[in-house]
Each structure stands twice: as structure tokens, then as C-alpha cells.
Amino acid sequence: HDRTAPEHPHAALLRDGYTAFAKGDMELIRSLLAERVVHR
């Protein structure tokens, strides 16, 4: 196990999304969503 492996970019994207959610930054969240998105 390589503990120094870089985080996948999608994991970083999710972390950024949760940080934006906590701040109420809907503009940043919007930039992470595809035009054809669905939240179930």
C-alpha cells in the first residue's frame, strides 16, 4: 500500500463540493454539476 498516492481528482471534486455546500456557495456547486444531472 502506497500511502503517498495522490487523491483521485474526483475525490477532490467531492471534497470541494461539500466545502461549498457548508458555505452556501451554490455557484461553485453549480459548476460541479453536469447539465444532465439527477439527484435521487
Full PDB file with SEQRES, HELIX, SHEET, SSBOND, CRYST1, ORIGX, SCALE, CONECT and MASTER records, all heavy atoms in Angstrom:
SEQRES   1 A   40  HIS ASP ARG THR ALA PRO GLU HIS PRO HIS ALA ALA LEU          
SEQRES   2 A   40  LEU ARG ASP GLY TYR THR ALA PHE ALA LYS GLY ASP MET          
SEQRES   3 A   40  GLU LEU ILE ARG SER LEU LEU ALA GLU ARG VAL VAL HIS          
SEQRES   4 A   40  ARG                                                          
HELIX    1 AA1 PRO A    9  LYS A   23  1                                  15    
HELIX    2 AA2 MET A   26  LEU A   32  1                                   7    
CRYST1    1.000    1.000    1.000  90.00  90.00  90.00 P 1           1          
ORIGX1      1.000000  0.000000  0.000000        0.00000                         
ORIGX2      0.000000  1.000000  0.000000        0.00000                         
ORIGX3      0.000000  0.000000  1.000000        0.00000                         
SCALE1      1.000000  0.000000  0.000000        0.00000                         
SCALE2      0.000000  1.000000  0.000000        0.00000                         
SCALE3      0.000000  0.000000  1.000000        0.00000                         
ATOM      1  N   HIS A   1       0.853  -1.191   0.000  1.00  0.00           N  
ATOM      2  CA  HIS A   1       0.000   0.000   0.000  1.00  0.00           C  
ATOM      3  C   HIS A   1       0.883   1.233   0.000  1.00  0.00           C  
ATOM      4  O   HIS A   1       1.690   1.428   0.901  1.00  0.00           O  
ATOM      5  CB  HIS A   1      -0.910   0.032   1.240  1.00  0.00           C  
ATOM      6  CG  HIS A   1      -1.866  -1.116   1.290  1.00  0.00           C  
ATOM      7  ND1 HIS A   1      -2.961  -1.177   0.480  1.00  0.00           N  
ATOM      8  CD2 HIS A   1      -1.866  -2.244   2.035  1.00  0.00           C  
ATOM      9  CE1 HIS A   1      -3.620  -2.295   0.721  1.00  0.00           C  
ATOM     10  NE2 HIS A   1      -2.978  -2.973   1.654  1.00  0.00           N  
ATOM     11  N   ASP A   2       0.708   2.039  -1.011  1.00  0.00           N  
ATOM     12  CA  ASP A   2       1.445   3.294  -1.108  1.00  0.00           C  
ATOM     13  C   ASP A   2       0.605   4.383  -0.458  1.00  0.00           C  
ATOM     14  O   ASP A   2      -0.355   4.872  -1.033  1.00  0.00           O  
ATOM     15  CB  ASP A   2       1.727   3.628  -2.570  1.00  0.00           C  
ATOM     16  CG  ASP A   2       2.522   4.917  -2.743  1.00  0.00           C  
ATOM     17  OD1 ASP A   2       2.868   5.555  -1.721  1.00  0.00           O  
ATOM     18  OD2 ASP A   2       2.790   5.291  -3.891  1.00  0.00           O  
ATOM     19  N   ARG A   3       0.950   4.770   0.745  1.00  0.00           N  
ATOM     20  CA  ARG A   3       0.178   5.767   1.498  1.00  0.00           C  
ATOM     21  C   ARG A   3       0.374   7.179   0.960  1.00  0.00           C  
ATOM     22  O   ARG A   3      -0.310   8.089   1.366  1.00  0.00           O  
ATOM     23  CB  ARG A   3       0.570   5.733   2.985  1.00  0.00           C  
ATOM     24  CG  ARG A   3       0.358   4.376   3.621  1.00  0.00           C  
ATOM     25  CD  ARG A   3      -0.952   4.339   4.321  1.00  0.00           C  
ATOM     26  NE  ARG A   3      -1.108   3.056   4.985  1.00  0.00           N  
ATOM     27  CZ  ARG A   3      -2.214   2.378   4.999  1.00  0.00           C  
ATOM     28  NH1 ARG A   3      -3.278   2.858   4.431  1.00  0.00           N  
ATOM     29  NH2 ARG A   3      -2.297   1.212   5.597  1.00  0.00           N  
ATOM     30  N   THR A   4       1.296   7.372   0.039  1.00  0.00           N  
ATOM     31  CA  THR A   4       1.542   8.703  -0.509  1.00  0.00           C  
ATOM     32  C   THR A   4       0.906   8.876  -1.884  1.00  0.00           C  
ATOM     33  O   THR A   4       1.140   9.872  -2.531  1.00  0.00           O  
ATOM     34  CB  THR A   4       3.059   8.970  -0.607  1.00  0.00           C  
ATOM     35  OG1 THR A   4       3.630   7.996  -1.502  1.00  0.00           O  
ATOM     36  CG2 THR A   4       3.723   8.899   0.752  1.00  0.00           C  
ATOM     37  N   ALA A   5       0.102   7.923  -2.329  1.00  0.00           N  
ATOM     38  CA  ALA A   5      -0.550   8.038  -3.633  1.00  0.00           C  
ATOM     39  C   ALA A   5      -1.456   9.263  -3.639  1.00  0.00           C  
ATOM     40  O   ALA A   5      -2.154   9.532  -2.669  1.00  0.00           O  
ATOM     41  CB  ALA A   5      -1.359   6.784  -3.932  1.00  0.00           C  
ATOM     42  N   PRO A   6      -1.460  10.004  -4.736  1.00  0.00           N  
ATOM     43  CA  PRO A   6      -2.315  11.200  -4.796  1.00  0.00           C  
ATOM     44  C   PRO A   6      -3.798  10.817  -4.803  1.00  0.00           C  
ATOM     45  O   PRO A   6      -4.179   9.759  -5.277  1.00  0.00           O  
ATOM     46  CB  PRO A   6      -1.919  11.861  -6.110  1.00  0.00           C  
ATOM     47  CG  PRO A   6      -1.321  10.767  -6.929  1.00  0.00           C  
ATOM     48  CD  PRO A   6      -0.718   9.789  -5.962  1.00  0.00           C  
ATOM     49  N   GLU A   7      -4.596  11.730  -4.273  1.00  0.00           N  
ATOM     50  CA  GLU A   7      -6.043  11.533  -4.259  1.00  0.00           C  
ATOM     51  C   GLU A   7      -6.585  11.661  -5.679  1.00  0.00           C  
ATOM     52  O   GLU A   7      -6.123  12.484  -6.461  1.00  0.00           O  
ATOM     53  CB  GLU A   7      -6.666  12.597  -3.347  1.00  0.00           C  
ATOM     54  CG  GLU A   7      -8.152  12.496  -3.191  1.00  0.00           C  
ATOM     55  CD  GLU A   7      -8.683  13.483  -2.163  1.00  0.00           C  
ATOM     56  OE1 GLU A   7      -8.566  14.702  -2.386  1.00  0.00           O  
ATOM     57  OE2 GLU A   7      -9.204  13.008  -1.151  1.00  0.00           O  
ATOM     58  N   HIS A   8      -7.569  10.834  -6.016  1.00  0.00           N  
ATOM     59  CA  HIS A   8      -8.189  10.913  -7.333  1.00  0.00           C  
ATOM     60  C   HIS A   8      -8.837  12.298  -7.484  1.00  0.00           C  
ATOM     61  O   HIS A   8      -9.417  12.820  -6.532  1.00  0.00           O  
ATOM     62  CB  HIS A   8      -9.245   9.814  -7.487  1.00  0.00           C  
ATOM     63  CG  HIS A   8      -9.712   9.644  -8.885  1.00  0.00           C  
ATOM     64  ND1 HIS A   8     -10.590  10.521  -9.486  1.00  0.00           N  
ATOM     65  CD2 HIS A   8      -9.407   8.709  -9.815  1.00  0.00           C  
ATOM     66  CE1 HIS A   8     -10.808  10.135 -10.724  1.00  0.00           C  
ATOM     67  NE2 HIS A   8     -10.110   9.028 -10.949  1.00  0.00           N  
ATOM     68  N   PRO A   9      -8.760  12.904  -8.662  1.00  0.00           N  
ATOM     69  CA  PRO A   9      -9.366  14.235  -8.853  1.00  0.00           C  
ATOM     70  C   PRO A   9     -10.856  14.282  -8.517  1.00  0.00           C  
ATOM     71  O   PRO A   9     -11.348  15.313  -8.061  1.00  0.00           O  
ATOM     72  CB  PRO A   9      -9.138  14.522 -10.347  1.00  0.00           C  
ATOM     73  CG  PRO A   9      -7.999  13.646 -10.744  1.00  0.00           C  
ATOM     74  CD  PRO A   9      -8.041  12.447  -9.853  1.00  0.00           C  
ATOM     75  N   HIS A  10     -11.570  13.187  -8.722  1.00  0.00           N  
ATOM     76  CA  HIS A  10     -12.998  13.196  -8.374  1.00  0.00           C  
ATOM     77  C   HIS A  10     -13.211  13.227  -6.867  1.00  0.00           C  
ATOM     78  O   HIS A  10     -14.208  13.793  -6.397  1.00  0.00           O  
ATOM     79  CB  HIS A  10     -13.716  11.998  -9.002  1.00  0.00           C  
ATOM     80  CG  HIS A  10     -13.875  12.118 -10.481  1.00  0.00           C  
ATOM     81  ND1 HIS A  10     -13.915  11.037 -11.308  1.00  0.00           N  
ATOM     82  CD2 HIS A  10     -14.003  13.207 -11.280  1.00  0.00           C  
ATOM     83  CE1 HIS A  10     -14.064  11.440 -12.556  1.00  0.00           C  
ATOM     84  NE2 HIS A  10     -14.111  12.758 -12.567  1.00  0.00           N  
ATOM     85  N   ALA A  11     -12.315  12.649  -6.091  1.00  0.00           N  
ATOM     86  CA  ALA A  11     -12.416  12.761  -4.634  1.00  0.00           C  
ATOM     87  C   ALA A  11     -12.213  14.210  -4.204  1.00  0.00           C  
ATOM     88  O   ALA A  11     -12.938  14.728  -3.346  1.00  0.00           O  
ATOM     89  CB  ALA A  11     -11.409  11.838  -3.941  1.00  0.00           C  
ATOM     90  N   ALA A  12     -11.246  14.875  -4.827  1.00  0.00           N  
ATOM     91  CA  ALA A  12     -11.022  16.298  -4.535  1.00  0.00           C  
ATOM     92  C   ALA A  12     -12.240  17.123  -4.937  1.00  0.00           C  
ATOM     93  O   ALA A  12     -12.640  18.051  -4.213  1.00  0.00           O  
ATOM     94  CB  ALA A  12      -9.764  16.792  -5.252  1.00  0.00           C  
ATOM     95  N   LEU A  13     -12.853  16.785  -6.076  1.00  0.00           N  
ATOM     96  CA  LEU A  13     -14.059  17.481  -6.531  1.00  0.00           C  
ATOM     97  C   LEU A  13     -15.167  17.342  -5.485  1.00  0.00           C  
ATOM     98  O   LEU A  13     -15.843  18.319  -5.146  1.00  0.00           O  
ATOM     99  CB  LEU A  13     -14.499  16.894  -7.876  1.00  0.00           C  
ATOM    100  CG  LEU A  13     -15.753  17.440  -8.528  1.00  0.00           C  
ATOM    101  CD1 LEU A  13     -15.611  17.395 -10.047  1.00  0.00           C  
ATOM    102  CD2 LEU A  13     -16.981  16.666  -8.119  1.00  0.00           C  
ATOM    103  N   LEU A  14     -15.347  16.128  -4.952  1.00  0.00           N  
ATOM    104  CA  LEU A  14     -16.384  15.921  -3.931  1.00  0.00           C  
ATOM    105  C   LEU A  14     -16.081  16.718  -2.672  1.00  0.00           C  
ATOM    106  O   LEU A  14     -16.976  17.343  -2.095  1.00  0.00           O  
ATOM    107  CB  LEU A  14     -16.526  14.436  -3.614  1.00  0.00           C  
ATOM    108  CG  LEU A  14     -17.058  13.564  -4.743  1.00  0.00           C  
ATOM    109  CD1 LEU A  14     -17.104  12.104  -4.300  1.00  0.00           C  
ATOM    110  CD2 LEU A  14     -18.415  14.036  -5.217  1.00  0.00           C  
ATOM    111  N   ARG A  15     -14.835  16.703  -2.242  1.00  0.00           N  
ATOM    112  CA  ARG A  15     -14.470  17.485  -1.043  1.00  0.00           C  
ATOM    113  C   ARG A  15     -14.758  18.972  -1.268  1.00  0.00           C  
ATOM    114  O   ARG A  15     -15.293  19.647  -0.387  1.00  0.00           O  
ATOM    115  CB  ARG A  15     -13.002  17.269  -0.684  1.00  0.00           C  
ATOM    116  CG  ARG A  15     -12.712  15.900  -0.134  1.00  0.00           C  
ATOM    117  CD  ARG A  15     -11.242  15.767   0.282  1.00  0.00           C  
ATOM    118  NE  ARG A  15     -10.882  14.389   0.459  1.00  0.00           N  
ATOM    119  CZ  ARG A  15     -11.250  13.630   1.485  1.00  0.00           C  
ATOM    120  NH1 ARG A  15     -12.007  14.134   2.426  1.00  0.00           N  
ATOM    121  NH2 ARG A  15     -10.856  12.372   1.566  1.00  0.00           N  
ATOM    122  N   ASP A  16     -14.403  19.468  -2.449  1.00  0.00           N  
ATOM    123  CA  ASP A  16     -14.689  20.877  -2.781  1.00  0.00           C  
ATOM    124  C   ASP A  16     -16.195  21.134  -2.748  1.00  0.00           C  
ATOM    125  O   ASP A  16     -16.645  22.181  -2.277  1.00  0.00           O  
ATOM    126  CB  ASP A  16     -14.147  21.234  -4.166  1.00  0.00           C  
ATOM    127  CG  ASP A  16     -12.629  21.300  -4.220  1.00  0.00           C  
ATOM    128  OD1 ASP A  16     -11.982  21.301  -3.143  1.00  0.00           O  
ATOM    129  OD2 ASP A  16     -12.094  21.322  -5.348  1.00  0.00           O  
ATOM    130  N   GLY A  17     -16.978  20.179  -3.238  1.00  0.00           N  
ATOM    131  CA  GLY A  17     -18.428  20.332  -3.242  1.00  0.00           C  
ATOM    132  C   GLY A  17     -19.010  20.404  -1.845  1.00  0.00           C  
ATOM    133  O   GLY A  17     -19.877  21.236  -1.563  1.00  0.00           O  
ATOM    134  N   TYR A  18     -18.546  19.554  -0.944  1.00  0.00           N  
ATOM    135  CA  TYR A  18     -19.044  19.586   0.434  1.00  0.00           C  
ATOM    136  C   TYR A  18     -18.606  20.862   1.149  1.00  0.00           C  
ATOM    137  O   TYR A  18     -19.367  21.422   1.943  1.00  0.00           O  
ATOM    138  CB  TYR A  18     -18.604  18.347   1.214  1.00  0.00           C  
ATOM    139  CG  TYR A  18     -19.427  17.134   0.876  1.00  0.00           C  
ATOM    140  CD1 TYR A  18     -18.957  16.180  -0.011  1.00  0.00           C  
ATOM    141  CD2 TYR A  18     -20.692  16.955   1.427  1.00  0.00           C  
ATOM    142  CE1 TYR A  18     -19.720  15.072  -0.346  1.00  0.00           C  
ATOM    143  CE2 TYR A  18     -21.468  15.855   1.104  1.00  0.00           C  
ATOM    144  CZ  TYR A  18     -20.977  14.918   0.213  1.00  0.00           C  
ATOM    145  OH  TYR A  18     -21.741  13.839  -0.111  1.00  0.00           O  
ATOM    146  N   THR A  19     -17.407  21.343   0.861  1.00  0.00           N  
ATOM    147  CA  THR A  19     -16.958  22.611   1.445  1.00  0.00           C  
ATOM    148  C   THR A  19     -17.832  23.755   0.952  1.00  0.00           C  
ATOM    149  O   THR A  19     -18.259  24.614   1.733  1.00  0.00           O  
ATOM    150  CB  THR A  19     -15.477  22.868   1.105  1.00  0.00           C  
ATOM    151  OG1 THR A  19     -14.686  21.815   1.672  1.00  0.00           O  
ATOM    152  CG2 THR A  19     -15.000  24.203   1.656  1.00  0.00           C  
ATOM    153  N   ALA A  20     -18.134  23.751  -0.353  1.00  0.00           N  
ATOM    154  CA  ALA A  20     -19.004  24.786  -0.916  1.00  0.00           C  
ATOM    155  C   ALA A  20     -20.402  24.704  -0.317  1.00  0.00           C  
ATOM    156  O   ALA A  20     -21.019  25.731  -0.014  1.00  0.00           O  
ATOM    157  CB  ALA A  20     -19.067  24.637  -2.440  1.00  0.00           C  
ATOM    158  N   PHE A  21     -20.903  23.483  -0.127  1.00  0.00           N  
ATOM    159  CA  PHE A  21     -22.229  23.288   0.475  1.00  0.00           C  
ATOM    160  C   PHE A  21     -22.262  23.890   1.878  1.00  0.00           C  
ATOM    161  O   PHE A  21     -23.201  24.591   2.236  1.00  0.00           O  
ATOM    162  CB  PHE A  21     -22.567  21.802   0.505  1.00  0.00           C  
ATOM    163  CG  PHE A  21     -23.959  21.503   0.973  1.00  0.00           C  
ATOM    164  CD1 PHE A  21     -25.018  21.505   0.080  1.00  0.00           C  
ATOM    165  CD2 PHE A  21     -24.218  21.220   2.306  1.00  0.00           C  
ATOM    166  CE1 PHE A  21     -26.313  21.226   0.502  1.00  0.00           C  
ATOM    167  CE2 PHE A  21     -25.501  20.938   2.747  1.00  0.00           C  
ATOM    168  CZ  PHE A  21     -26.552  20.946   1.842  1.00  0.00           C  
ATOM    169  N   ALA A  22     -21.221  23.631   2.653  1.00  0.00           N  
ATOM    170  CA  ALA A  22     -21.157  24.155   4.026  1.00  0.00           C  
ATOM    171  C   ALA A  22     -21.152  25.678   4.051  1.00  0.00           C  
ATOM    172  O   ALA A  22     -21.669  26.294   4.985  1.00  0.00           O  
ATOM    173  CB  ALA A  22     -19.916  23.613   4.737  1.00  0.00           C  
ATOM    174  N   LYS A  23     -20.588  26.286   3.021  1.00  0.00           N  
ATOM    175  CA  LYS A  23     -20.519  27.748   2.928  1.00  0.00           C  
ATOM    176  C   LYS A  23     -21.721  28.351   2.213  1.00  0.00           C  
ATOM    177  O   LYS A  23     -21.834  29.566   2.121  1.00  0.00           O  
ATOM    178  CB  LYS A  23     -19.245  28.162   2.178  1.00  0.00           C  
ATOM    179  CG  LYS A  23     -17.969  27.814   2.904  1.00  0.00           C  
ATOM    180  CD  LYS A  23     -16.785  28.216   2.050  1.00  0.00           C  
ATOM    181  CE  LYS A  23     -15.480  27.879   2.731  1.00  0.00           C  
ATOM    182  NZ  LYS A  23     -14.327  28.224   1.872  1.00  0.00           N  
ATOM    183  N   GLY A  24     -22.579  27.492   1.651  1.00  0.00           N  
ATOM    184  CA  GLY A  24     -23.707  28.002   0.874  1.00  0.00           C  
ATOM    185  C   GLY A  24     -23.297  28.549  -0.480  1.00  0.00           C  
ATOM    186  O   GLY A  24     -24.001  29.365  -1.066  1.00  0.00           O  
ATOM    187  N   ASP A  25     -22.161  28.092  -1.008  1.00  0.00           N  
ATOM    188  CA  ASP A  25     -21.631  28.580  -2.277  1.00  0.00           C  
ATOM    189  C   ASP A  25     -22.270  27.804  -3.434  1.00  0.00           C  
ATOM    190  O   ASP A  25     -21.696  26.860  -3.981  1.00  0.00           O  
ATOM    191  CB  ASP A  25     -20.111  28.428  -2.298  1.00  0.00           C  
ATOM    192  CG  ASP A  25     -19.461  29.043  -3.521  1.00  0.00           C  
ATOM    193  OD1 ASP A  25     -20.182  29.382  -4.492  1.00  0.00           O  
ATOM    194  OD2 ASP A  25     -18.223  29.175  -3.523  1.00  0.00           O  
ATOM    195  N   MET A  26     -23.485  28.199  -3.800  1.00  0.00           N  
ATOM    196  CA  MET A  26     -24.226  27.499  -4.836  1.00  0.00           C  
ATOM    197  C   MET A  26     -23.584  27.678  -6.214  1.00  0.00           C  
ATOM    198  O   MET A  26     -23.733  26.817  -7.081  1.00  0.00           O  
ATOM    199  CB  MET A  26     -25.681  27.959  -4.866  1.00  0.00           C  
ATOM    200  CG  MET A  26     -26.443  27.615  -3.596  1.00  0.00           C  
ATOM    201  SD  MET A  26     -26.474  25.823  -3.301  1.00  0.00           S  
ATOM    202  CE  MET A  26     -26.931  25.779  -1.593  1.00  0.00           C  
ATOM    203  N   GLU A  27     -22.865  28.757  -6.421  1.00  0.00           N  
ATOM    204  CA  GLU A  27     -22.191  28.978  -7.706  1.00  0.00           C  
ATOM    205  C   GLU A  27     -21.123  27.907  -7.940  1.00  0.00           C  
ATOM    206  O   GLU A  27     -21.030  27.345  -9.043  1.00  0.00           O  
ATOM    207  CB  GLU A  27     -21.574  30.371  -7.739  1.00  0.00           C  
ATOM    208  CG  GLU A  27     -21.002  30.744  -9.089  1.00  0.00           C  
ATOM    209  CD  GLU A  27     -20.523  32.182  -9.128  1.00  0.00           C  
ATOM    210  OE1 GLU A  27     -21.222  33.063  -8.586  1.00  0.00           O  
ATOM    211  OE2 GLU A  27     -19.456  32.399  -9.713  1.00  0.00           O  
ATOM    212  N   LEU A  28     -20.343  27.601  -6.919  1.00  0.00           N  
ATOM    213  CA  LEU A  28     -19.327  26.558  -7.063  1.00  0.00           C  
ATOM    214  C   LEU A  28     -19.984  25.191  -7.252  1.00  0.00           C  
ATOM    215  O   LEU A  28     -19.581  24.412  -8.115  1.00  0.00           O  
ATOM    216  CB  LEU A  28     -18.374  26.519  -5.867  1.00  0.00           C  
ATOM    217  CG  LEU A  28     -17.310  25.419  -5.942  1.00  0.00           C  
ATOM    218  CD1 LEU A  28     -16.446  25.553  -7.184  1.00  0.00           C  
ATOM    219  CD2 LEU A  28     -16.452  25.416  -4.700  1.00  0.00           C  
ATOM    220  N   ILE A  29     -21.010  24.911  -6.456  1.00  0.00           N  
ATOM    221  CA  ILE A  29     -21.708  23.628  -6.610  1.00  0.00           C  
ATOM    222  C   ILE A  29     -22.252  23.511  -8.024  1.00  0.00           C  
ATOM    223  O   ILE A  29     -22.108  22.466  -8.673  1.00  0.00           O  
ATOM    224  CB  ILE A  29     -22.834  23.481  -5.572  1.00  0.00           C  
ATOM    225  CG1 ILE A  29     -22.251  23.392  -4.161  1.00  0.00           C  
ATOM    226  CG2 ILE A  29     -23.685  22.247  -5.877  1.00  0.00           C  
ATOM    227  CD1 ILE A  29     -23.278  23.464  -3.064  1.00  0.00           C  
ATOM    228  N   ARG A  30     -22.848  24.573  -8.544  1.00  0.00           N  
ATOM    229  CA  ARG A  30     -23.400  24.554  -9.906  1.00  0.00           C  
ATOM    230  C   ARG A  30     -22.325  24.201 -10.914  1.00  0.00           C  
ATOM    231  O   ARG A  30     -22.574  23.464 -11.869  1.00  0.00           O  
ATOM    232  CB  ARG A  30     -24.029  25.921 -10.226  1.00  0.00           C  
ATOM    233  CG  ARG A  30     -24.508  26.085 -11.662  1.00  0.00           C  
ATOM    234  CD  ARG A  30     -25.639  25.117 -11.948  1.00  0.00           C  
ATOM    235  NE  ARG A  30     -26.160  25.222 -13.290  1.00  0.00           N  
ATOM    236  CZ  ARG A  30     -25.697  24.539 -14.332  1.00  0.00           C  
ATOM    237  NH1 ARG A  30     -24.681  23.718 -14.192  1.00  0.00           N  
ATOM    238  NH2 ARG A  30     -26.256  24.656 -15.509  1.00  0.00           N  
ATOM    239  N   SER A  31     -21.106  24.687 -10.715  1.00  0.00           N  
ATOM    240  CA  SER A  31     -20.023  24.415 -11.667  1.00  0.00           C  
ATOM    241  C   SER A  31     -19.591  22.946 -11.655  1.00  0.00           C  
ATOM    242  O   SER A  31     -18.973  22.481 -12.616  1.00  0.00           O  
ATOM    243  CB  SER A  31     -18.822  25.320 -11.376  1.00  0.00           C  
ATOM    244  OG  SER A  31     -18.127  24.873 -10.211  1.00  0.00           O  
ATOM    245  N   LEU A  32     -19.928  22.211 -10.596  1.00  0.00           N  
ATOM    246  CA  LEU A  32     -19.558  20.797 -10.493  1.00  0.00           C  
ATOM    247  C   LEU A  32     -20.594  19.871 -11.113  1.00  0.00           C  
ATOM    248  O   LEU A  32     -20.329  18.691 -11.330  1.00  0.00           O  
ATOM    249  CB  LEU A  32     -19.359  20.414  -9.022  1.00  0.00           C  
ATOM    250  CG  LEU A  32     -18.341  21.238  -8.235  1.00  0.00           C  
ATOM    251  CD1 LEU A  32     -18.306  20.788  -6.782  1.00  0.00           C  
ATOM    252  CD2 LEU A  32     -16.964  21.152  -8.869  1.00  0.00           C  
ATOM    253  N   LEU A  33     -21.782  20.407 -11.389  1.00  0.00           N  
ATOM    254  CA  LEU A  33     -22.887  19.600 -11.897  1.00  0.00           C  
ATOM    255  C   LEU A  33     -22.939  19.627 -13.423  1.00  0.00           C  
ATOM    256  O   LEU A  33     -22.830  20.690 -14.038  1.00  0.00           O  
ATOM    257  CB  LEU A  33     -24.219  20.118 -11.355  1.00  0.00           C  
ATOM    258  CG  LEU A  33     -24.375  20.161  -9.840  1.00  0.00           C  
ATOM    259  CD1 LEU A  33     -25.707  20.808  -9.467  1.00  0.00           C  
ATOM    260  CD2 LEU A  33     -24.243  18.774  -9.236  1.00  0.00           C  
ATOM    261  N   ALA A  34     -23.138  18.449 -14.028  1.00  0.00           N  
ATOM    262  CA  ALA A  34     -23.340  18.359 -15.470  1.00  0.00           C  
ATOM    263  C   ALA A  34     -24.721  18.926 -15.819  1.00  0.00           C  
ATOM    264  O   ALA A  34     -25.611  18.999 -14.960  1.00  0.00           O  
ATOM    265  CB  ALA A  34     -23.239  16.907 -15.919  1.00  0.00           C  
ATOM    266  N   GLU A  35     -24.895  19.310 -17.053  1.00  0.00           N  
ATOM    267  CA  GLU A  35     -26.199  19.821 -17.484  1.00  0.00           C  
ATOM    268  C   GLU A  35     -27.276  18.743 -17.355  1.00  0.00           C  
ATOM    269  O   GLU A  35     -28.411  19.044 -17.047  1.00  0.00           O  
ATOM    270  CB  GLU A  35     -26.127  20.325 -18.926  1.00  0.00           C  
ATOM    271  CG  GLU A  35     -25.360  21.626 -19.076  1.00  0.00           C  
ATOM    272  CD  GLU A  35     -25.895  22.739 -18.188  1.00  0.00           C  
ATOM    273  OE1 GLU A  35     -27.128  22.968 -18.160  1.00  0.00           O  
ATOM    274  OE2 GLU A  35     -25.086  23.382 -17.499  1.00  0.00           O  
ATOM    275  N   ARG A  36     -26.921  17.507 -17.586  1.00  0.00           N  
ATOM    276  CA  ARG A  36     -27.864  16.389 -17.444  1.00  0.00           C  
ATOM    277  C   ARG A  36     -27.546  15.673 -16.147  1.00  0.00           C  
ATOM    278  O   ARG A  36     -26.933  14.610 -16.142  1.00  0.00           O  
ATOM    279  CB  ARG A  36     -27.749  15.448 -18.636  1.00  0.00           C  
ATOM    280  CG  ARG A  36     -28.205  16.117 -19.931  1.00  0.00           C  
ATOM    281  CD  ARG A  36     -28.224  15.165 -21.081  1.00  0.00           C  
ATOM    282  NE  ARG A  36     -29.190  14.091 -20.788  1.00  0.00           N  
ATOM    283  CZ  ARG A  36     -29.167  12.913 -21.355  1.00  0.00           C  
ATOM    284  NH1 ARG A  36     -28.239  12.621 -22.225  1.00  0.00           N  
ATOM    285  NH2 ARG A  36     -30.075  12.009 -21.050  1.00  0.00           N  
ATOM    286  N   VAL A  37     -27.943  16.268 -15.046  1.00  0.00           N  
ATOM    287  CA  VAL A  37     -27.693  15.720 -13.720  1.00  0.00           C  
ATOM    288  C   VAL A  37     -29.015  15.271 -13.115  1.00  0.00           C  
ATOM    289  O   VAL A  37     -30.074  15.802 -13.465  1.00  0.00           O  
ATOM    290  CB  VAL A  37     -27.007  16.761 -12.796  1.00  0.00           C  
ATOM    291  CG1 VAL A  37     -27.922  17.941 -12.523  1.00  0.00           C  
ATOM    292  CG2 VAL A  37     -26.510  16.138 -11.504  1.00  0.00           C  
ATOM    293  N   VAL A  38     -28.936  14.298 -12.221  1.00  0.00           N  
ATOM    294  CA  VAL A  38     -30.109  13.916 -11.439  1.00  0.00           C  
ATOM    295  C   VAL A  38     -29.636  13.629 -10.015  1.00  0.00           C  
ATOM    296  O   VAL A  38     -28.610  12.997  -9.812  1.00  0.00           O  
ATOM    297  CB  VAL A  38     -30.859  12.698 -12.040  1.00  0.00           C  
ATOM    298  CG1 VAL A  38     -29.974  11.470 -12.126  1.00  0.00           C  
ATOM    299  CG2 VAL A  38     -32.119  12.395 -11.250  1.00  0.00           C  
ATOM    300  N   HIS A  39     -30.361  14.163  -9.044  1.00  0.00           N  
ATOM    301  CA  HIS A  39     -30.125  13.850  -7.629  1.00  0.00           C  
ATOM    302  C   HIS A  39     -31.352  13.080  -7.162  1.00  0.00           C  
ATOM    303  O   HIS A  39     -32.455  13.625  -7.126  1.00  0.00           O  
ATOM    304  CB  HIS A  39     -29.926  15.107  -6.801  1.00  0.00           C  
ATOM    305  CG  HIS A  39     -29.476  14.822  -5.407  1.00  0.00           C  
ATOM    306  ND1 HIS A  39     -28.673  15.687  -4.708  1.00  0.00           N  
ATOM    307  CD2 HIS A  39     -29.680  13.772  -4.573  1.00  0.00           C  
ATOM    308  CE1 HIS A  39     -28.428  15.182  -3.499  1.00  0.00           C  
ATOM    309  NE2 HIS A  39     -29.039  14.019  -3.408  1.00  0.00           N  
ATOM    310  N   ARG A  40     -31.140  11.803  -6.831  1.00  0.00           N  
ATOM    311  CA  ARG A  40     -32.232  10.930  -6.406  1.00  0.00           C  
ATOM    312  C   ARG A  40     -32.250  10.848  -4.886  1.00  0.00           C  
ATOM    313  O   ARG A  40     -31.253  10.501  -4.271  1.00  0.00           O  
ATOM    314  CB  ARG A  40     -32.065   9.541  -7.008  1.00  0.00           C  
ATOM    315  CG  ARG A  40     -32.046   9.548  -8.516  1.00  0.00           C  
ATOM    316  CD  ARG A  40     -31.887   8.139  -9.086  1.00  0.00           C  
ATOM    317  NE  ARG A  40     -31.581   8.153 -10.501  1.00  0.00           N  
ATOM    318  CZ  ARG A  40     -32.446   8.381 -11.476  1.00  0.00           C  
ATOM    319  NH1 ARG A  40     -33.702   8.639 -11.186  1.00  0.00           N  
ATOM    320  NH2 ARG A  40     -32.066   8.363 -12.746  1.00  0.00           N  
TER     321      ARG A  40                                                      
MASTER        0    0    0    2    0    0    0    6  320    1    0    4          
END                                                                             
